[in-house]
């Protein structure tokens, strides 16, 4: 006769209780890391504001604009993690990247040649 063993499947499947706890802990670590990076950006640029954009399966993009006009972005694995990171960092969040918020961005020669240089007769990016 074959021996059988009862197994608590909830602790072995990725969607089980242990998997949920691990996933929550991973999400919290990612949130904390992003919040720290946002804070470092804000400190380096005299303060910052941000906007979150959903980018599909890749997650969400956090666009940051510093008080000095410098800008950058970070990608979070989910929109929820991006929201929590921005909230935790304490920066002002905008719902859209337009108006006065967008006008704060300062671009330089690098951005012009990378984004529109070819169309404007600038150096090619190839």
PDB file of N, CA and C in Angstrom:
ATOM      1  N   UNK A   1       0.848  -1.168   0.000  1.00  0.00           N
ATOM      2  CA  UNK A   1       0.000   0.000   0.000  1.00  0.00           C
ATOM      3  C   UNK A   1       0.895   1.232   0.000  1.00  0.00           C
ATOM      4  N   UNK A   2       0.533   2.210  -0.791  1.00  0.00           N
ATOM      5  CA  UNK A   2       1.312   3.438  -0.909  1.00  0.00           C
ATOM      6  C   UNK A   2       1.054   4.349   0.279  1.00  0.00           C
ATOM      7  N   UNK A   3       2.117   5.000   0.716  1.00  0.00           N
ATOM      8  CA  UNK A   3       1.965   5.952   1.819  1.00  0.00           C
ATOM      9  C   UNK A   3       1.553   7.293   1.251  1.00  0.00           C
ATOM     10  N   UNK A   4       0.714   7.986   1.974  1.00  0.00           N
ATOM     11  CA  UNK A   4       0.291   9.324   1.551  1.00  0.00           C
ATOM     12  C   UNK A   4       0.669  10.327   2.616  1.00  0.00           C
ATOM     13  N   UNK A   5       0.833  11.522   2.170  1.00  0.00           N
ATOM     14  CA  UNK A   5       1.205  12.582   3.106  1.00  0.00           C
ATOM     15  C   UNK A   5       0.343  13.787   2.811  1.00  0.00           C
ATOM     16  N   UNK A   6      -0.225  14.373   3.843  1.00  0.00           N
ATOM     17  CA  UNK A   6      -1.044  15.558   3.657  1.00  0.00           C
ATOM     18  C   UNK A   6      -0.121  16.767   3.593  1.00  0.00           C
ATOM     19  N   UNK A   7      -0.339  17.622   2.620  1.00  0.00           N
ATOM     20  CA  UNK A   7       0.501  18.795   2.423  1.00  0.00           C
ATOM     21  C   UNK A   7      -0.360  20.033   2.502  1.00  0.00           C
ATOM     22  N   UNK A   8       0.110  21.017   3.231  1.00  0.00           N
ATOM     23  CA  UNK A   8      -0.583  22.306   3.295  1.00  0.00           C
ATOM     24  C   UNK A   8      -0.224  23.074   2.035  1.00  0.00           C
ATOM     25  N   UNK A   9      -1.088  23.020   1.022  1.00  0.00           N
ATOM     26  CA  UNK A   9      -0.790  23.619  -0.267  1.00  0.00           C
ATOM     27  C   UNK A   9      -0.696  25.134  -0.209  1.00  0.00           C
ATOM     28  N   UNK A  10      -1.345  25.764   0.746  1.00  0.00           N
ATOM     29  CA  UNK A  10      -1.327  27.228   0.804  1.00  0.00           C
ATOM     30  C   UNK A  10       0.072  27.766   1.049  1.00  0.00           C
ATOM     31  N   UNK A  11       0.936  26.973   1.690  1.00  0.00           N
ATOM     32  CA  UNK A  11       2.285  27.465   1.967  1.00  0.00           C
ATOM     33  C   UNK A  11       3.256  27.154   0.845  1.00  0.00           C
ATOM     34  N   UNK A  12       2.848  26.350  -0.130  1.00  0.00           N
ATOM     35  CA  UNK A  12       3.760  25.985  -1.197  1.00  0.00           C
ATOM     36  C   UNK A  12       3.442  26.657  -2.508  1.00  0.00           C
ATOM     37  N   UNK A  13       2.216  27.032  -2.725  1.00  0.00           N
ATOM     38  CA  UNK A  13       1.844  27.670  -3.983  1.00  0.00           C
ATOM     39  C   UNK A  13       2.157  29.157  -3.910  1.00  0.00           C
ATOM     40  N   UNK A  14       2.571  29.754  -5.050  1.00  0.00           N
ATOM     41  CA  UNK A  14       2.889  31.184  -5.047  1.00  0.00           C
ATOM     42  C   UNK A  14       1.735  32.054  -4.565  1.00  0.00           C
ATOM     43  N   UNK A  15       0.521  31.620  -4.773  1.00  0.00           N
ATOM     44  CA  UNK A  15      -0.626  32.418  -4.343  1.00  0.00           C
ATOM     45  C   UNK A  15      -1.063  32.121  -2.931  1.00  0.00           C
ATOM     46  N   UNK A  16      -0.399  31.202  -2.249  1.00  0.00           N
ATOM     47  CA  UNK A  16      -0.768  30.831  -0.896  1.00  0.00           C
ATOM     48  C   UNK A  16      -0.377  31.893   0.104  1.00  0.00           C
ATOM     49  N   UNK A  17      -0.626  31.582   1.385  1.00  0.00           N
ATOM     50  CA  UNK A  17      -0.371  32.553   2.453  1.00  0.00           C
ATOM     51  C   UNK A  17       1.097  32.978   2.501  1.00  0.00           C
ATOM     52  N   UNK A  18       2.020  32.017   2.403  1.00  0.00           N
ATOM     53  CA  UNK A  18       3.444  32.358   2.442  1.00  0.00           C
ATOM     54  C   UNK A  18       3.829  33.184   1.220  1.00  0.00           C
ATOM     55  N   UNK A  19       3.309  32.799   0.055  1.00  0.00           N
ATOM     56  CA  UNK A  19       3.583  33.545  -1.170  1.00  0.00           C
ATOM     57  C   UNK A  19       3.067  34.970  -1.091  1.00  0.00           C
ATOM     58  N   UNK A  20       1.896  35.147  -0.491  1.00  0.00           N
ATOM     59  CA  UNK A  20       1.318  36.482  -0.339  1.00  0.00           C
ATOM     60  C   UNK A  20       2.188  37.354   0.568  1.00  0.00           C
ATOM     61  N   UNK A  21       2.667  36.760   1.659  1.00  0.00           N
ATOM     62  CA  UNK A  21       3.518  37.517   2.584  1.00  0.00           C
ATOM     63  C   UNK A  21       4.830  37.915   1.915  1.00  0.00           C
ATOM     64  N   UNK A  22       5.391  36.988   1.170  1.00  0.00           N
ATOM     65  CA  UNK A  22       6.652  37.295   0.463  1.00  0.00           C
ATOM     66  C   UNK A  22       6.440  38.398  -0.564  1.00  0.00           C
ATOM     67  N   UNK A  23       5.345  38.294  -1.288  1.00  0.00           N
ATOM     68  CA  UNK A  23       5.041  39.300  -2.304  1.00  0.00           C
ATOM     69  C   UNK A  23       4.810  40.669  -1.656  1.00  0.00           C
ATOM     70  N   UNK A  24       4.120  40.700  -0.531  1.00  0.00           N
ATOM     71  CA  UNK A  24       3.870  41.956   0.177  1.00  0.00           C
ATOM     72  C   UNK A  24       5.181  42.547   0.699  1.00  0.00           C
ATOM     73  N   UNK A  25       6.053  41.694   1.217  1.00  0.00           N
ATOM     74  CA  UNK A  25       7.349  42.171   1.720  1.00  0.00           C
ATOM     75  C   UNK A  25       8.201  42.719   0.585  1.00  0.00           C
ATOM     76  N   UNK A  26       8.174  42.045  -0.548  1.00  0.00           N
ATOM     77  CA  UNK A  26       8.926  42.510  -1.726  1.00  0.00           C
ATOM     78  C   UNK A  26       8.395  43.860  -2.202  1.00  0.00           C
ATOM     79  N   UNK A  27       7.068  43.998  -2.233  1.00  0.00           N
ATOM     80  CA  UNK A  27       6.448  45.259  -2.656  1.00  0.00           C
ATOM     81  C   UNK A  27       6.816  46.386  -1.691  1.00  0.00           C
ATOM     82  N   UNK A  28       6.847  46.085  -0.403  1.00  0.00           N
ATOM     83  CA  UNK A  28       7.210  47.105   0.586  1.00  0.00           C
ATOM     84  C   UNK A  28       8.664  47.535   0.436  1.00  0.00           C
ATOM     85  N   UNK A  29       9.546  46.576   0.163  1.00  0.00           N
ATOM     86  CA  UNK A  29      10.964  46.920  -0.058  1.00  0.00           C
ATOM     87  C   UNK A  29      11.125  47.786  -1.301  1.00  0.00           C
ATOM     88  N   UNK A  30      10.400  47.459  -2.368  1.00  0.00           N
ATOM     89  CA  UNK A  30      10.476  48.245  -3.606  1.00  0.00           C
ATOM     90  C   UNK A  30       9.920  49.646  -3.371  1.00  0.00           C
ATOM     91  N   UNK A  31       8.822  49.736  -2.620  1.00  0.00           N
ATOM     92  CA  UNK A  31       8.229  51.034  -2.291  1.00  0.00           C
ATOM     93  C   UNK A  31       9.230  51.893  -1.524  1.00  0.00           C
ATOM     94  N   UNK A  32       9.869  51.304  -0.526  1.00  0.00           N
ATOM     95  CA  UNK A  32      10.847  52.043   0.282  1.00  0.00           C
ATOM     96  C   UNK A  32      12.033  52.491  -0.554  1.00  0.00           C
ATOM     97  N   UNK A  33      12.500  51.635  -1.453  1.00  0.00           N
ATOM     98  CA  UNK A  33      13.637  51.986  -2.313  1.00  0.00           C
ATOM     99  C   UNK A  33      13.278  53.146  -3.245  1.00  0.00           C
ATOM    100  N   UNK A  34      12.102  53.065  -3.857  1.00  0.00           N
ATOM    101  CA  UNK A  34      11.665  54.145  -4.748  1.00  0.00           C
ATOM    102  C   UNK A  34      11.487  55.450  -3.978  1.00  0.00           C
ATOM    103  N   UNK A  35      10.886  55.386  -2.796  1.00  0.00           N
ATOM    104  CA  UNK A  35      10.693  56.590  -1.979  1.00  0.00           C
ATOM    105  C   UNK A  35      12.040  57.215  -1.634  1.00  0.00           C
ATOM    106  N   UNK A  36      13.022  56.393  -1.339  1.00  0.00           N
ATOM    107  CA  UNK A  36      14.363  56.888  -1.026  1.00  0.00           C
ATOM    108  C   UNK A  36      14.987  57.567  -2.248  1.00  0.00           C
ATOM    109  N   UNK A  37      14.818  56.960  -3.423  1.00  0.00           N
ATOM    110  CA  UNK A  37      15.350  57.556  -4.657  1.00  0.00           C
ATOM    111  C   UNK A  37      14.651  58.871  -4.982  1.00  0.00           C
ATOM    112  N   UNK A  38      13.342  58.929  -4.766  1.00  0.00           N
ATOM    113  CA  UNK A  38      12.587  60.168  -4.988  1.00  0.00           C
ATOM    114  C   UNK A  38      13.089  61.245  -4.031  1.00  0.00           C
ATOM    115  N   UNK A  39      13.284  60.871  -2.765  1.00  0.00           N
ATOM    116  CA  UNK A  39      13.791  61.819  -1.771  1.00  0.00           C
ATOM    117  C   UNK A  39      15.170  62.343  -2.123  1.00  0.00           C
ATOM    118  N   UNK A  40      16.031  61.462  -2.629  1.00  0.00           N
ATOM    119  CA  UNK A  40      17.381  61.873  -3.030  1.00  0.00           C
ATOM    120  C   UNK A  40      17.316  62.842  -4.208  1.00  0.00           C
ATOM    121  N   UNK A  41      16.419  62.571  -5.162  1.00  0.00           N
ATOM    122  CA  UNK A  41      16.241  63.484  -6.293  1.00  0.00           C
ATOM    123  C   UNK A  41      15.773  64.841  -5.795  1.00  0.00           C
ATOM    124  N   UNK A  42      14.772  64.836  -4.920  1.00  0.00           N
ATOM    125  CA  UNK A  42      14.236  66.093  -4.386  1.00  0.00           C
ATOM    126  C   UNK A  42      15.312  66.884  -3.657  1.00  0.00           C
ATOM    127  N   UNK A  43      16.125  66.214  -2.878  1.00  0.00           N
ATOM    128  CA  UNK A  43      17.198  66.879  -2.144  1.00  0.00           C
ATOM    129  C   UNK A  43      18.220  67.486  -3.094  1.00  0.00           C
ATOM    130  N   UNK A  44      18.556  66.772  -4.151  1.00  0.00           N
ATOM    131  CA  UNK A  44      19.550  67.251  -5.117  1.00  0.00           C
ATOM    132  C   UNK A  44      19.038  68.403  -5.974  1.00  0.00           C
ATOM    133  N   UNK A  45      17.718  68.548  -6.072  1.00  0.00           N
ATOM    134  CA  UNK A  45      17.151  69.566  -6.964  1.00  0.00           C
ATOM    135  C   UNK A  45      16.335  70.626  -6.229  1.00  0.00           C
ATOM    136  N   UNK A  46      16.552  70.766  -4.931  1.00  0.00           N
ATOM    137  CA  UNK A  46      15.873  71.807  -4.168  1.00  0.00           C
ATOM    138  C   UNK A  46      14.391  71.571  -3.979  1.00  0.00           C
ATOM    139  N   UNK A  47      13.970  70.340  -4.017  1.00  0.00           N
ATOM    140  CA  UNK A  47      12.555  69.982  -3.925  1.00  0.00           C
ATOM    141  C   UNK A  47      12.121  69.348  -5.229  1.00  0.00           C
ATOM    142  N   UNK A  48      10.972  68.704  -5.205  1.00  0.00           N
ATOM    143  CA  UNK A  48      10.488  68.048  -6.422  1.00  0.00           C
ATOM    144  C   UNK A  48       8.986  67.867  -6.384  1.00  0.00           C
ATOM    145  N   UNK A  49       8.436  67.682  -7.559  1.00  0.00           N
ATOM    146  CA  UNK A  49       7.036  67.348  -7.749  1.00  0.00           C
ATOM    147  C   UNK A  49       7.006  66.166  -8.698  1.00  0.00           C
ATOM    148  N   UNK A  50       5.900  65.429  -8.715  1.00  0.00           N
ATOM    149  CA  UNK A  50       5.856  64.255  -9.569  1.00  0.00           C
ATOM    150  C   UNK A  50       4.498  63.969 -10.152  1.00  0.00           C
ATOM    151  N   UNK A  51       4.507  63.056 -11.105  1.00  0.00           N
ATOM    152  CA  UNK A  51       3.288  62.596 -11.760  1.00  0.00           C
ATOM    153  C   UNK A  51       3.489  61.121 -12.076  1.00  0.00           C
ATOM    154  N   UNK A  52       2.435  60.330 -11.927  1.00  0.00           N
ATOM    155  CA  UNK A  52       2.510  58.893 -12.183  1.00  0.00           C
ATOM    156  C   UNK A  52       1.716  58.571 -13.443  1.00  0.00           C
ATOM    157  N   UNK A  53       2.329  57.788 -14.330  1.00  0.00           N
ATOM    158  CA  UNK A  53       1.657  57.374 -15.565  1.00  0.00           C
ATOM    159  C   UNK A  53       1.707  55.855 -15.684  1.00  0.00           C
ATOM    160  N   UNK A  54       0.575  55.236 -15.938  1.00  0.00           N
ATOM    161  CA  UNK A  54       0.493  53.795 -16.131  1.00  0.00           C
ATOM    162  C   UNK A  54       1.147  53.454 -17.465  1.00  0.00           C
ATOM    163  N   UNK A  55       2.046  52.474 -17.483  1.00  0.00           N
ATOM    164  CA  UNK A  55       2.720  52.107 -18.734  1.00  0.00           C
ATOM    165  C   UNK A  55       2.459  50.650 -19.120  1.00  0.00           C
ATOM    166  N   UNK A  56       1.347  50.115 -18.698  1.00  0.00           N
ATOM    167  CA  UNK A  56       0.970  48.763 -19.084  1.00  0.00           C
ATOM    168  C   UNK A  56       1.577  47.712 -18.174  1.00  0.00           C
ATOM    169  N   UNK A  57       1.878  46.554 -18.737  1.00  0.00           N
ATOM    170  CA  UNK A  57       2.399  45.442 -17.949  1.00  0.00           C
ATOM    171  C   UNK A  57       3.714  45.765 -17.272  1.00  0.00           C
ATOM    172  N   UNK A  58       4.447  46.729 -17.772  1.00  0.00           N
ATOM    173  CA  UNK A  58       5.723  47.112 -17.166  1.00  0.00           C
ATOM    174  C   UNK A  58       5.542  47.863 -15.861  1.00  0.00           C
ATOM    175  N   UNK A  59       4.349  48.378 -15.591  1.00  0.00           N
ATOM    176  CA  UNK A  59       4.095  49.059 -14.331  1.00  0.00           C
ATOM    177  C   UNK A  59       3.680  50.505 -14.495  1.00  0.00           C
ATOM    178  N   UNK A  60       4.390  51.387 -13.789  1.00  0.00           N
ATOM    179  CA  UNK A  60       4.050  52.803 -13.795  1.00  0.00           C
ATOM    180  C   UNK A  60       5.329  53.636 -13.799  1.00  0.00           C
ATOM    181  N   UNK A  61       5.274  54.742 -14.485  1.00  0.00           N
ATOM    182  CA  UNK A  61       6.408  55.669 -14.583  1.00  0.00           C
ATOM    183  C   UNK A  61       6.148  56.839 -13.652  1.00  0.00           C
ATOM    184  N   UNK A  62       7.135  57.131 -12.822  1.00  0.00           N
ATOM    185  CA  UNK A  62       7.056  58.281 -11.930  1.00  0.00           C
ATOM    186  C   UNK A  62       7.944  59.363 -12.531  1.00  0.00           C
ATOM    187  N   UNK A  63       7.331  60.424 -13.045  1.00  0.00           N
ATOM    188  CA  UNK A  63       8.086  61.529 -13.629  1.00  0.00           C
ATOM    189  C   UNK A  63       8.329  62.553 -12.534  1.00  0.00           C
ATOM    190  N   UNK A  64       9.573  62.938 -12.346  1.00  0.00           N
ATOM    191  CA  UNK A  64       9.953  63.891 -11.309  1.00  0.00           C
ATOM    192  C   UNK A  64      10.479  65.167 -11.944  1.00  0.00           C
ATOM    193  N   UNK A  65      10.079  66.300 -11.388  1.00  0.00           N
ATOM    194  CA  UNK A  65      10.584  67.597 -11.831  1.00  0.00           C
ATOM    195  C   UNK A  65      11.063  68.339 -10.594  1.00  0.00           C
ATOM    196  N   UNK A  66      12.338  68.708 -10.609  1.00  0.00           N
ATOM    197  CA  UNK A  66      12.913  69.430  -9.485  1.00  0.00           C
ATOM    198  C   UNK A  66      12.595  70.907  -9.530  1.00  0.00           C
ATOM    199  N   UNK A  67      12.755  71.569  -8.401  1.00  0.00           N
ATOM    200  CA  UNK A  67      12.517  73.014  -8.334  1.00  0.00           C
ATOM    201  C   UNK A  67      13.484  73.778  -9.233  1.00  0.00           C
ATOM    202  N   UNK A  68      14.636  73.189  -9.531  1.00  0.00           N
ATOM    203  CA  UNK A  68      15.615  73.828 -10.408  1.00  0.00           C
ATOM    204  C   UNK A  68      15.372  73.527 -11.886  1.00  0.00           C
ATOM    205  N   UNK A  69      14.305  72.795 -12.203  1.00  0.00           N
ATOM    206  CA  UNK A  69      13.982  72.468 -13.589  1.00  0.00           C
ATOM    207  C   UNK A  69      14.545  71.133 -14.045  1.00  0.00           C
ATOM    208  N   UNK A  70      15.417  70.525 -13.234  1.00  0.00           N
ATOM    209  CA  UNK A  70      15.939  69.207 -13.582  1.00  0.00           C
ATOM    210  C   UNK A  70      14.822  68.178 -13.524  1.00  0.00           C
ATOM    211  N   UNK A  71      14.946  67.155 -14.326  1.00  0.00           N
ATOM    212  CA  UNK A  71      13.889  66.161 -14.340  1.00  0.00           C
ATOM    213  C   UNK A  71      14.462  64.763 -14.505  1.00  0.00           C
ATOM    214  N   UNK A  72      13.657  63.792 -14.172  1.00  0.00           N
ATOM    215  CA  UNK A  72      14.040  62.399 -14.301  1.00  0.00           C
ATOM    216  C   UNK A  72      12.820  61.529 -14.117  1.00  0.00           C
ATOM    217  N   UNK A  73      13.029  60.245 -14.216  1.00  0.00           N
ATOM    218  CA  UNK A  73      11.908  59.350 -14.000  1.00  0.00           C
ATOM    219  C   UNK A  73      12.373  58.034 -13.396  1.00  0.00           C
ATOM    220  N   UNK A  74      11.436  57.341 -12.804  1.00  0.00           N
ATOM    221  CA  UNK A  74      11.651  56.022 -12.214  1.00  0.00           C
ATOM    222  C   UNK A  74      10.503  55.138 -12.677  1.00  0.00           C
ATOM    223  N   UNK A  75      10.747  53.838 -12.733  1.00  0.00           N
ATOM    224  CA  UNK A  75       9.683  52.909 -13.100  1.00  0.00           C
ATOM    225  C   UNK A  75       9.414  51.985 -11.926  1.00  0.00           C
ATOM    226  N   UNK A  76       8.150  51.908 -11.556  1.00  0.00           N
ATOM    227  CA  UNK A  76       7.699  51.018 -10.481  1.00  0.00           C
ATOM    228  C   UNK A  76       7.022  49.811 -11.129  1.00  0.00           C
ATOM    229  N   UNK A  77       7.111  48.640 -10.504  1.00  0.00           N
ATOM    230  CA  UNK A  77       6.507  47.453 -11.102  1.00  0.00           C
ATOM    231  C   UNK A  77       4.980  47.479 -11.157  1.00  0.00           C
ATOM    232  N   UNK A  78       4.342  48.282 -10.297  1.00  0.00           N
ATOM    233  CA  UNK A  78       2.888  48.431 -10.335  1.00  0.00           C
ATOM    234  C   UNK A  78       2.515  49.881 -10.046  1.00  0.00           C
ATOM    235  N   UNK A  79       1.319  50.249 -10.458  1.00  0.00           N
ATOM    236  CA  UNK A  79       0.820  51.602 -10.206  1.00  0.00           C
ATOM    237  C   UNK A  79       0.660  51.827  -8.699  1.00  0.00           C
ATOM    238  N   UNK A  80       0.199  50.802  -7.994  1.00  0.00           N
ATOM    239  CA  UNK A  80      -0.004  50.910  -6.546  1.00  0.00           C
ATOM    240  C   UNK A  80       1.317  51.188  -5.820  1.00  0.00           C
ATOM    241  N   UNK A  81       2.372  50.499  -6.206  1.00  0.00           N
ATOM    242  CA  UNK A  81       3.687  50.726  -5.592  1.00  0.00           C
ATOM    243  C   UNK A  81       4.160  52.143  -5.894  1.00  0.00           C
ATOM    244  N   UNK A  82       3.936  52.615  -7.113  1.00  0.00           N
ATOM    245  CA  UNK A  82       4.318  53.986  -7.471  1.00  0.00           C
ATOM    246  C   UNK A  82       3.576  54.993  -6.603  1.00  0.00           C
ATOM    247  N   UNK A  83       2.276  54.782  -6.413  1.00  0.00           N
ATOM    248  CA  UNK A  83       1.484  55.687  -5.580  1.00  0.00           C
ATOM    249  C   UNK A  83       2.005  55.721  -4.146  1.00  0.00           C
ATOM    250  N   UNK A  84       2.266  54.544  -3.597  1.00  0.00           N
ATOM    251  CA  UNK A  84       2.742  54.486  -2.211  1.00  0.00           C
ATOM    252  C   UNK A  84       4.123  55.118  -2.069  1.00  0.00           C
ATOM    253  N   UNK A  85       4.993  54.927  -3.056  1.00  0.00           N
ATOM    254  CA  UNK A  85       6.340  55.509  -2.998  1.00  0.00           C
ATOM    255  C   UNK A  85       6.280  57.032  -3.046  1.00  0.00           C
ATOM    256  N   UNK A  86       5.450  57.578  -3.924  1.00  0.00           N
ATOM    257  CA  UNK A  86       5.310  59.033  -4.021  1.00  0.00           C
ATOM    258  C   UNK A  86       4.736  59.580  -2.721  1.00  0.00           C
ATOM    259  N   UNK A  87       3.732  58.913  -2.188  1.00  0.00           N
ATOM    260  CA  UNK A  87       3.128  59.345  -0.921  1.00  0.00           C
ATOM    261  C   UNK A  87       4.164  59.306   0.202  1.00  0.00           C
ATOM    262  N   UNK A  88       4.909  58.222   0.276  1.00  0.00           N
ATOM    263  CA  UNK A  88       5.913  58.051   1.327  1.00  0.00           C
ATOM    264  C   UNK A  88       7.032  59.086   1.221  1.00  0.00           C
ATOM    265  N   UNK A  89       7.366  59.491  -0.003  1.00  0.00           N
ATOM    266  CA  UNK A  89       8.448  60.460  -0.204  1.00  0.00           C
ATOM    267  C   UNK A  89       8.044  61.870   0.217  1.00  0.00           C
ATOM    268  N   UNK A  90       6.751  62.152   0.194  1.00  0.00           N
ATOM    269  CA  UNK A  90       6.265  63.458   0.622  1.00  0.00           C
ATOM    270  C   UNK A  90       6.256  64.544  -0.440  1.00  0.00           C
ATOM    271  N   UNK A  91       6.528  64.205  -1.701  1.00  0.00           N
ATOM    272  CA  UNK A  91       6.515  65.236  -2.743  1.00  0.00           C
ATOM    273  C   UNK A  91       5.082  65.509  -3.186  1.00  0.00           C
ATOM    274  N   UNK A  92       4.881  66.637  -3.848  1.00  0.00           N
ATOM    275  CA  UNK A  92       3.578  66.985  -4.403  1.00  0.00           C
ATOM    276  C   UNK A  92       3.333  66.133  -5.635  1.00  0.00           C
ATOM    277  N   UNK A  93       2.139  65.585  -5.726  1.00  0.00           N
ATOM    278  CA  UNK A  93       1.781  64.739  -6.872  1.00  0.00           C
ATOM    279  C   UNK A  93       0.769  65.451  -7.747  1.00  0.00           C
ATOM    280  N   UNK A  94       1.024  65.457  -9.048  1.00  0.00           N
ATOM    281  CA  UNK A  94       0.104  66.032 -10.034  1.00  0.00           C
ATOM    282  C   UNK A  94      -0.615  64.902 -10.755  1.00  0.00           C
ATOM    283  N   UNK A  95      -1.839  65.146 -11.130  1.00  0.00           N
ATOM    284  CA  UNK A  95      -2.621  64.140 -11.849  1.00  0.00           C
ATOM    285  C   UNK A  95      -2.250  64.079 -13.326  1.00  0.00           C
ATOM    286  N   UNK A  96      -1.755  65.188 -13.870  1.00  0.00           N
ATOM    287  CA  UNK A  96      -1.385  65.225 -15.287  1.00  0.00           C
ATOM    288  C   UNK A  96      -0.075  65.986 -15.455  1.00  0.00           C
ATOM    289  N   UNK A  97       0.610  65.681 -16.536  1.00  0.00           N
ATOM    290  CA  UNK A  97       1.864  66.364 -16.830  1.00  0.00           C
ATOM    291  C   UNK A  97       1.554  67.481 -17.824  1.00  0.00           C
ATOM    292  N   UNK A  98       1.025  68.578 -17.303  1.00  0.00           N
ATOM    293  CA  UNK A  98       0.665  69.693 -18.170  1.00  0.00           C
ATOM    294  C   UNK A  98       0.717  71.003 -17.397  1.00  0.00           C
ATOM    295  N   UNK A  99       0.426  72.081 -18.074  1.00  0.00           N
ATOM    296  CA  UNK A  99       0.344  73.395 -17.441  1.00  0.00           C
ATOM    297  C   UNK A  99       1.619  73.846 -16.768  1.00  0.00           C
ATOM    298  N   UNK A 100       1.461  74.448 -15.586  1.00  0.00           N
ATOM    299  CA  UNK A 100       2.596  74.994 -14.844  1.00  0.00           C
ATOM    300  C   UNK A 100       3.613  73.917 -14.473  1.00  0.00           C
ATOM    301  N   UNK A 101       3.122  72.716 -14.201  1.00  0.00           N
ATOM    302  CA  UNK A 101       4.024  71.626 -13.831  1.00  0.00           C
ATOM    303  C   UNK A 101       4.974  71.297 -14.993  1.00  0.00           C
ATOM    304  N   UNK A 102       4.447  71.124 -16.166  1.00  0.00           N
ATOM    305  CA  UNK A 102       5.280  70.812 -17.338  1.00  0.00           C
ATOM    306  C   UNK A 102       6.195  71.972 -17.689  1.00  0.00           C
ATOM    307  N   UNK A 103       5.739  73.190 -17.451  1.00  0.00           N
ATOM    308  CA  UNK A 103       6.535  74.369 -17.778  1.00  0.00           C
ATOM    309  C   UNK A 103       7.788  74.487 -16.899  1.00  0.00           C
ATOM    310  N   UNK A 104       7.831  73.786 -15.773  1.00  0.00           N
ATOM    311  CA  UNK A 104       8.998  73.836 -14.884  1.00  0.00           C
ATOM    312  C   UNK A 104      10.196  73.081 -15.441  1.00  0.00           C
ATOM    313  N   UNK A 105       9.958  72.181 -16.393  1.00  0.00           N
ATOM    314  CA  UNK A 105      11.038  71.363 -16.947  1.00  0.00           C
ATOM    315  C   UNK A 105      11.963  72.221 -17.800  1.00  0.00           C
ATOM    316  N   UNK A 106      13.247  72.120 -17.514  1.00  0.00           N
ATOM    317  CA  UNK A 106      14.255  72.817 -18.326  1.00  0.00           C
ATOM    318  C   UNK A 106      14.977  71.786 -19.168  1.00  0.00           C
ATOM    319  N   UNK A 107      15.010  72.026 -20.463  1.00  0.00           N
ATOM    320  CA  UNK A 107      15.726  71.118 -21.359  1.00  0.00           C
ATOM    321  C   UNK A 107      16.977  71.802 -21.872  1.00  0.00           C
ATOM    322  N   UNK A 108      17.941  71.016 -22.211  1.00  0.00           N
ATOM    323  CA  UNK A 108      19.197  71.525 -22.718  1.00  0.00           C
ATOM    324  C   UNK A 108      19.510  70.951 -24.087  1.00  0.00           C
ATOM    325  N   UNK A 109      20.710  71.197 -24.570  1.00  0.00           N
ATOM    326  CA  UNK A 109      21.100  70.710 -25.901  1.00  0.00           C
ATOM    327  C   UNK A 109      20.988  69.194 -26.039  1.00  0.00           C
ATOM    328  N   UNK A 110      21.320  68.468 -24.984  1.00  0.00           N
ATOM    329  CA  UNK A 110      21.245  67.011 -25.058  1.00  0.00           C
ATOM    330  C   UNK A 110      19.827  66.549 -25.386  1.00  0.00           C
ATOM    331  N   UNK A 111      18.846  67.082 -24.657  1.00  0.00           N
ATOM    332  CA  UNK A 111      17.466  66.673 -24.888  1.00  0.00           C
ATOM    333  C   UNK A 111      17.001  67.040 -26.296  1.00  0.00           C
ATOM    334  N   UNK A 112      17.385  68.221 -26.768  1.00  0.00           N
ATOM    335  CA  UNK A 112      16.976  68.645 -28.101  1.00  0.00           C
ATOM    336  C   UNK A 112      17.571  67.750 -29.180  1.00  0.00           C
ATOM    337  N   UNK A 113      18.817  67.364 -29.031  1.00  0.00           N
ATOM    338  CA  UNK A 113      19.405  66.500 -30.063  1.00  0.00           C
ATOM    339  C   UNK A 113      18.860  65.084 -29.973  1.00  0.00           C
ATOM    340  N   UNK A 114      18.559  64.603 -28.785  1.00  0.00           N
ATOM    341  CA  UNK A 114      18.029  63.246 -28.634  1.00  0.00           C
ATOM    342  C   UNK A 114      16.573  63.164 -29.089  1.00  0.00           C
ATOM    343  N   UNK A 115      15.767  64.174 -28.767  1.00  0.00           N
ATOM    344  CA  UNK A 115      14.336  64.087 -29.048  1.00  0.00           C
ATOM    345  C   UNK A 115      13.952  64.667 -30.406  1.00  0.00           C
ATOM    346  N   UNK A 116      14.629  65.707 -30.838  1.00  0.00           N
ATOM    347  CA  UNK A 116      14.184  66.356 -32.076  1.00  0.00           C
ATOM    348  C   UNK A 116      15.338  66.798 -32.960  1.00  0.00           C
ATOM    349  N   UNK A 117      16.541  66.411 -32.650  1.00  0.00           N
ATOM    350  CA  UNK A 117      17.697  66.861 -33.399  1.00  0.00           C
ATOM    351  C   UNK A 117      17.658  66.558 -34.869  1.00  0.00           C
ATOM    352  N   UNK A 118      17.233  65.374 -35.219  1.00  0.00           N
ATOM    353  CA  UNK A 118      17.210  64.980 -36.623  1.00  0.00           C
ATOM    354  C   UNK A 118      16.207  65.849 -37.386  1.00  0.00           C
ATOM    355  N   UNK A 119      15.030  66.056 -36.812  1.00  0.00           N
ATOM    356  CA  UNK A 119      13.997  66.841 -37.486  1.00  0.00           C
ATOM    357  C   UNK A 119      14.392  68.323 -37.571  1.00  0.00           C
ATOM    358  N   UNK A 120      15.185  68.798 -36.618  1.00  0.00           N
ATOM    359  CA  UNK A 120      15.560  70.216 -36.595  1.00  0.00           C
ATOM    360  C   UNK A 120      16.917  70.459 -37.233  1.00  0.00           C
ATOM    361  N   UNK A 121      17.484  69.448 -37.850  1.00  0.00           N
ATOM    362  CA  UNK A 121      18.775  69.623 -38.499  1.00  0.00           C
ATOM    363  C   UNK A 121      19.957  69.461 -37.573  1.00  0.00           C
ATOM    364  N   UNK A 122      19.716  68.959 -36.370  1.00  0.00           N
ATOM    365  CA  UNK A 122      20.807  68.735 -35.424  1.00  0.00           C
ATOM    366  C   UNK A 122      21.564  67.466 -35.768  1.00  0.00           C
ATOM    367  N   UNK A 123      22.551  67.143 -34.951  1.00  0.00           N
ATOM    368  CA  UNK A 123      23.336  65.947 -35.209  1.00  0.00           C
ATOM    369  C   UNK A 123      22.482  64.686 -35.109  1.00  0.00           C
ATOM    370  N   UNK A 124      22.830  63.696 -35.913  1.00  0.00           N
ATOM    371  CA  UNK A 124      22.080  62.451 -35.864  1.00  0.00           C
ATOM    372  C   UNK A 124      22.436  61.679 -34.600  1.00  0.00           C
ATOM    373  N   UNK A 125      21.566  60.817 -34.214  1.00  0.00           N
ATOM    374  CA  UNK A 125      21.774  60.040 -32.991  1.00  0.00           C
ATOM    375  C   UNK A 125      22.261  58.635 -33.289  1.00  0.00           C
ATOM    376  N   UNK A 126      22.672  58.395 -34.493  1.00  0.00           N
ATOM    377  CA  UNK A 126      23.063  57.039 -34.899  1.00  0.00           C
ATOM    378  C   UNK A 126      24.454  56.784 -34.661  1.00  0.00           C
TER     379      UNK A 126
END
